[in-house]
Amino acid sequence: MTIYDKIRNMKTMLIDDDEWIRNSMSIIFENEHCYLKTFETAEEALKELEQGKYEIIICDYKLPGIDGLEFFRKIKTKYPDSVNILITAYGN
């Protein structure tokens, strides 16, 4: 069983301001028949979360506006059971 088999019936959200990352991840998830919805900003993702829960939330650390850490702080009380993954490609 692959990781994709395990998450196939879960809703996954990706927040990243890099269009290439969003598009690449969308292609991978689509090829594996997994649900992924992408957002460019944390503010867009917060609006989406008002509509419903996501089991897996992947968020870039460095974003315009609200950064990834602040985003996870804002949602942790309302969505304590979601799997939250913070990523970054930011270097020194």
N, C-alpha and C. Protein backbone atom coordinates (compact mmCIF):
# COMPACT_ATOMS: atom_id res chain seq x y z
N MET A 1 0.85 -1.18 0.00
CA MET A 1 0.00 0.00 0.00
C MET A 1 0.90 1.25 0.00
N THR A 2 0.61 2.16 -0.90
CA THR A 2 1.39 3.40 -1.00
C THR A 2 0.77 4.48 -0.13
N ILE A 3 1.50 5.56 0.05
CA ILE A 3 0.96 6.71 0.79
C ILE A 3 -0.27 7.26 0.08
N TYR A 4 -0.27 7.19 -1.25
CA TYR A 4 -1.42 7.68 -2.01
C TYR A 4 -2.66 6.83 -1.75
N ASP A 5 -2.48 5.52 -1.58
CA ASP A 5 -3.61 4.66 -1.23
C ASP A 5 -4.20 5.08 0.11
N LYS A 6 -3.34 5.46 1.03
CA LYS A 6 -3.79 5.84 2.37
C LYS A 6 -4.54 7.17 2.38
N ILE A 7 -4.17 8.09 1.49
CA ILE A 7 -4.79 9.42 1.52
C ILE A 7 -5.84 9.62 0.43
N ARG A 8 -6.10 8.60 -0.35
CA ARG A 8 -7.01 8.72 -1.50
C ARG A 8 -8.38 9.28 -1.12
N ASN A 9 -8.91 8.93 0.02
CA ASN A 9 -10.24 9.39 0.44
C ASN A 9 -10.19 10.57 1.39
N MET A 10 -9.05 11.24 1.45
CA MET A 10 -8.90 12.40 2.32
C MET A 10 -8.82 13.67 1.48
N LYS A 11 -9.31 14.76 2.06
CA LYS A 11 -9.19 16.06 1.41
C LYS A 11 -7.86 16.69 1.83
N THR A 12 -7.06 17.07 0.84
CA THR A 12 -5.77 17.69 1.09
C THR A 12 -5.75 19.09 0.51
N MET A 13 -5.16 20.01 1.28
CA MET A 13 -5.03 21.41 0.89
C MET A 13 -3.55 21.74 0.83
N LEU A 14 -3.15 22.50 -0.20
CA LEU A 14 -1.78 22.98 -0.32
C LEU A 14 -1.81 24.49 -0.46
N ILE A 15 -1.05 25.18 0.39
CA ILE A 15 -0.92 26.64 0.30
C ILE A 15 0.53 26.94 -0.02
N ASP A 16 0.75 27.54 -1.19
CA ASP A 16 2.11 27.90 -1.61
C ASP A 16 2.00 29.01 -2.64
N ASP A 17 2.81 30.04 -2.49
CA ASP A 17 2.76 31.16 -3.44
C ASP A 17 3.52 30.87 -4.73
N ASP A 18 4.22 29.76 -4.79
CA ASP A 18 4.97 29.37 -5.98
C ASP A 18 4.05 28.56 -6.91
N GLU A 19 3.71 29.15 -8.05
CA GLU A 19 2.79 28.50 -8.99
C GLU A 19 3.33 27.15 -9.47
N TRP A 20 4.64 27.04 -9.67
CA TRP A 20 5.24 25.80 -10.13
C TRP A 20 5.00 24.68 -9.11
N ILE A 21 5.16 24.98 -7.84
CA ILE A 21 4.92 23.99 -6.78
C ILE A 21 3.45 23.56 -6.79
N ARG A 22 2.55 24.54 -6.84
CA ARG A 22 1.11 24.21 -6.86
C ARG A 22 0.76 23.33 -8.05
N ASN A 23 1.24 23.69 -9.23
CA ASN A 23 0.92 22.92 -10.43
C ASN A 23 1.54 21.53 -10.40
N SER A 24 2.77 21.43 -9.95
CA SER A 24 3.45 20.13 -9.87
C SER A 24 2.74 19.19 -8.91
N MET A 25 2.40 19.70 -7.74
CA MET A 25 1.70 18.87 -6.76
C MET A 25 0.31 18.47 -7.26
N SER A 26 -0.35 19.37 -7.95
CA SER A 26 -1.67 19.05 -8.52
C SER A 26 -1.57 17.90 -9.51
N ILE A 27 -0.55 17.92 -10.34
CA ILE A 27 -0.36 16.85 -11.33
C ILE A 27 -0.10 15.52 -10.62
N ILE A 28 0.76 15.53 -9.62
CA ILE A 28 1.07 14.30 -8.88
C ILE A 28 -0.19 13.74 -8.22
N PHE A 29 -0.92 14.58 -7.53
CA PHE A 29 -2.13 14.11 -6.84
C PHE A 29 -3.17 13.61 -7.84
N GLU A 30 -3.33 14.32 -8.94
CA GLU A 30 -4.30 13.90 -9.96
C GLU A 30 -3.91 12.55 -10.55
N ASN A 31 -2.64 12.36 -10.85
CA ASN A 31 -2.17 11.08 -11.40
C ASN A 31 -2.40 9.92 -10.43
N GLU A 32 -2.40 10.22 -9.15
CA GLU A 32 -2.62 9.18 -8.12
C GLU A 32 -4.08 9.12 -7.66
N HIS A 33 -4.95 9.87 -8.33
CA HIS A 33 -6.39 9.89 -8.02
C HIS A 33 -6.66 10.33 -6.59
N CYS A 34 -5.91 11.34 -6.14
CA CYS A 34 -6.07 11.89 -4.80
C CYS A 34 -6.59 13.33 -4.91
N TYR A 35 -7.35 13.74 -3.90
CA TYR A 35 -7.94 15.08 -3.89
C TYR A 35 -6.92 16.09 -3.37
N LEU A 36 -6.71 17.16 -4.13
CA LEU A 36 -5.85 18.26 -3.70
C LEU A 36 -6.45 19.56 -4.21
N LYS A 37 -6.58 20.52 -3.31
CA LYS A 37 -7.00 21.86 -3.70
C LYS A 37 -5.88 22.80 -3.29
N THR A 38 -5.49 23.70 -4.20
CA THR A 38 -4.35 24.57 -3.94
C THR A 38 -4.78 26.02 -3.79
N PHE A 39 -3.96 26.74 -3.02
CA PHE A 39 -4.20 28.16 -2.75
C PHE A 39 -2.88 28.90 -2.77
N GLU A 40 -2.93 30.14 -3.24
CA GLU A 40 -1.73 30.97 -3.33
C GLU A 40 -1.42 31.66 -2.01
N THR A 41 -2.45 31.95 -1.21
CA THR A 41 -2.24 32.66 0.05
C THR A 41 -2.97 31.96 1.20
N ALA A 42 -2.50 32.23 2.41
CA ALA A 42 -3.15 31.69 3.60
C ALA A 42 -4.55 32.28 3.76
N GLU A 43 -4.72 33.52 3.35
CA GLU A 43 -6.03 34.16 3.46
C GLU A 43 -7.07 33.42 2.60
N GLU A 44 -6.67 33.01 1.39
CA GLU A 44 -7.58 32.24 0.53
C GLU A 44 -7.93 30.91 1.18
N ALA A 45 -6.94 30.27 1.77
CA ALA A 45 -7.16 28.97 2.42
C ALA A 45 -8.07 29.10 3.63
N LEU A 46 -7.92 30.17 4.40
CA LEU A 46 -8.80 30.39 5.56
C LEU A 46 -10.25 30.52 5.12
N LYS A 47 -10.49 31.21 4.02
CA LYS A 47 -11.86 31.33 3.49
C LYS A 47 -12.41 29.96 3.10
N GLU A 48 -11.58 29.15 2.47
CA GLU A 48 -11.99 27.80 2.08
C GLU A 48 -12.32 26.95 3.30
N LEU A 49 -11.54 27.08 4.36
CA LEU A 49 -11.78 26.28 5.57
C LEU A 49 -13.09 26.66 6.26
N GLU A 50 -13.61 27.84 5.98
CA GLU A 50 -14.93 28.20 6.51
C GLU A 50 -16.01 27.31 5.90
N GLN A 51 -15.74 26.75 4.71
CA GLN A 51 -16.71 25.91 4.00
C GLN A 51 -16.63 24.44 4.40
N GLY A 52 -15.53 24.03 5.01
CA GLY A 52 -15.41 22.63 5.38
C GLY A 52 -14.01 22.23 5.79
N LYS A 53 -13.92 21.03 6.31
CA LYS A 53 -12.68 20.51 6.88
C LYS A 53 -11.80 19.84 5.83
N TYR A 54 -10.50 19.93 6.04
CA TYR A 54 -9.50 19.20 5.27
C TYR A 54 -8.71 18.34 6.24
N GLU A 55 -8.48 17.09 5.86
CA GLU A 55 -7.75 16.19 6.74
C GLU A 55 -6.24 16.45 6.73
N ILE A 56 -5.73 16.89 5.57
CA ILE A 56 -4.29 17.15 5.43
C ILE A 56 -4.11 18.56 4.91
N ILE A 57 -3.27 19.34 5.59
CA ILE A 57 -3.00 20.72 5.18
C ILE A 57 -1.49 20.89 5.07
N ILE A 58 -1.05 21.20 3.86
CA ILE A 58 0.37 21.44 3.58
C ILE A 58 0.53 22.92 3.30
N CYS A 59 1.41 23.57 4.03
CA CYS A 59 1.53 25.02 3.90
C CYS A 59 2.99 25.45 3.86
N ASP A 60 3.29 26.32 2.91
CA ASP A 60 4.62 26.92 2.81
C ASP A 60 4.81 27.86 4.00
N TYR A 61 6.04 27.95 4.48
CA TYR A 61 6.33 28.85 5.60
C TYR A 61 6.29 30.31 5.16
N LYS A 62 6.97 30.62 4.08
CA LYS A 62 7.12 32.01 3.65
C LYS A 62 6.05 32.33 2.61
N LEU A 63 5.06 33.10 3.01
CA LEU A 63 3.95 33.49 2.14
C LEU A 63 3.73 34.99 2.24
N PRO A 64 3.14 35.60 1.21
CA PRO A 64 2.75 37.00 1.36
C PRO A 64 1.60 37.09 2.37
N GLY A 65 1.58 38.13 3.17
CA GLY A 65 0.52 38.24 4.18
C GLY A 65 0.81 37.32 5.35
N ILE A 66 -0.17 36.51 5.71
CA ILE A 66 -0.03 35.57 6.83
C ILE A 66 0.95 34.46 6.43
N ASP A 67 1.98 34.22 7.27
CA ASP A 67 2.93 33.15 6.96
C ASP A 67 2.38 31.80 7.44
N GLY A 68 3.09 30.74 7.11
CA GLY A 68 2.62 29.40 7.42
C GLY A 68 2.44 29.12 8.90
N LEU A 69 3.36 29.59 9.74
CA LEU A 69 3.22 29.37 11.18
C LEU A 69 1.98 30.05 11.74
N GLU A 70 1.77 31.28 11.34
CA GLU A 70 0.59 32.02 11.80
C GLU A 70 -0.69 31.36 11.29
N PHE A 71 -0.67 30.87 10.07
CA PHE A 71 -1.83 30.16 9.51
C PHE A 71 -2.18 28.96 10.39
N PHE A 72 -1.18 28.14 10.73
CA PHE A 72 -1.45 26.97 11.56
C PHE A 72 -1.91 27.36 12.96
N ARG A 73 -1.40 28.45 13.50
CA ARG A 73 -1.89 28.94 14.81
C ARG A 73 -3.37 29.30 14.73
N LYS A 74 -3.77 29.92 13.63
CA LYS A 74 -5.16 30.35 13.47
C LYS A 74 -6.13 29.17 13.36
N ILE A 75 -5.69 28.05 12.80
CA ILE A 75 -6.62 26.95 12.56
C ILE A 75 -6.55 25.82 13.59
N LYS A 76 -5.55 25.84 14.48
CA LYS A 76 -5.33 24.67 15.34
C LYS A 76 -6.50 24.38 16.29
N THR A 77 -7.20 25.38 16.76
CA THR A 77 -8.32 25.14 17.67
C THR A 77 -9.52 24.56 16.93
N LYS A 78 -9.80 25.09 15.76
CA LYS A 78 -10.97 24.64 15.00
C LYS A 78 -10.74 23.29 14.32
N TYR A 79 -9.50 23.01 13.95
CA TYR A 79 -9.18 21.76 13.23
C TYR A 79 -8.04 21.01 13.91
N PRO A 80 -8.24 20.57 15.15
CA PRO A 80 -7.15 19.93 15.89
C PRO A 80 -6.74 18.57 15.34
N ASP A 81 -7.60 17.93 14.55
CA ASP A 81 -7.30 16.59 14.05
C ASP A 81 -6.67 16.58 12.66
N SER A 82 -6.55 17.74 12.04
CA SER A 82 -5.93 17.76 10.71
C SER A 82 -4.43 17.52 10.84
N VAL A 83 -3.87 16.87 9.83
CA VAL A 83 -2.43 16.67 9.75
C VAL A 83 -1.86 17.92 9.10
N ASN A 84 -1.02 18.64 9.83
CA ASN A 84 -0.46 19.90 9.34
C ASN A 84 1.02 19.72 9.01
N ILE A 85 1.38 20.09 7.78
CA ILE A 85 2.75 19.93 7.31
C ILE A 85 3.26 21.29 6.85
N LEU A 86 4.33 21.77 7.48
CA LEU A 86 4.94 23.05 7.12
C LEU A 86 6.14 22.76 6.22
N ILE A 87 6.17 23.42 5.05
CA ILE A 87 7.27 23.22 4.11
C ILE A 87 7.93 24.57 3.82
N THR A 88 9.15 24.51 3.30
CA THR A 88 9.79 25.75 2.86
C THR A 88 10.87 25.42 1.84
N ALA A 89 11.05 26.33 0.92
CA ALA A 89 12.15 26.26 -0.03
C ALA A 89 13.03 27.49 0.17
N TYR A 90 12.78 28.21 1.24
CA TYR A 90 13.48 29.45 1.52
C TYR A 90 14.88 29.14 2.02
N GLY A 91 15.89 29.74 1.41
CA GLY A 91 17.27 29.52 1.83
C GLY A 91 17.90 30.78 2.34
N ASN A 92 19.10 30.65 2.85
CA ASN A 92 19.83 31.81 3.37
C ASN A 92 20.40 32.64 2.25
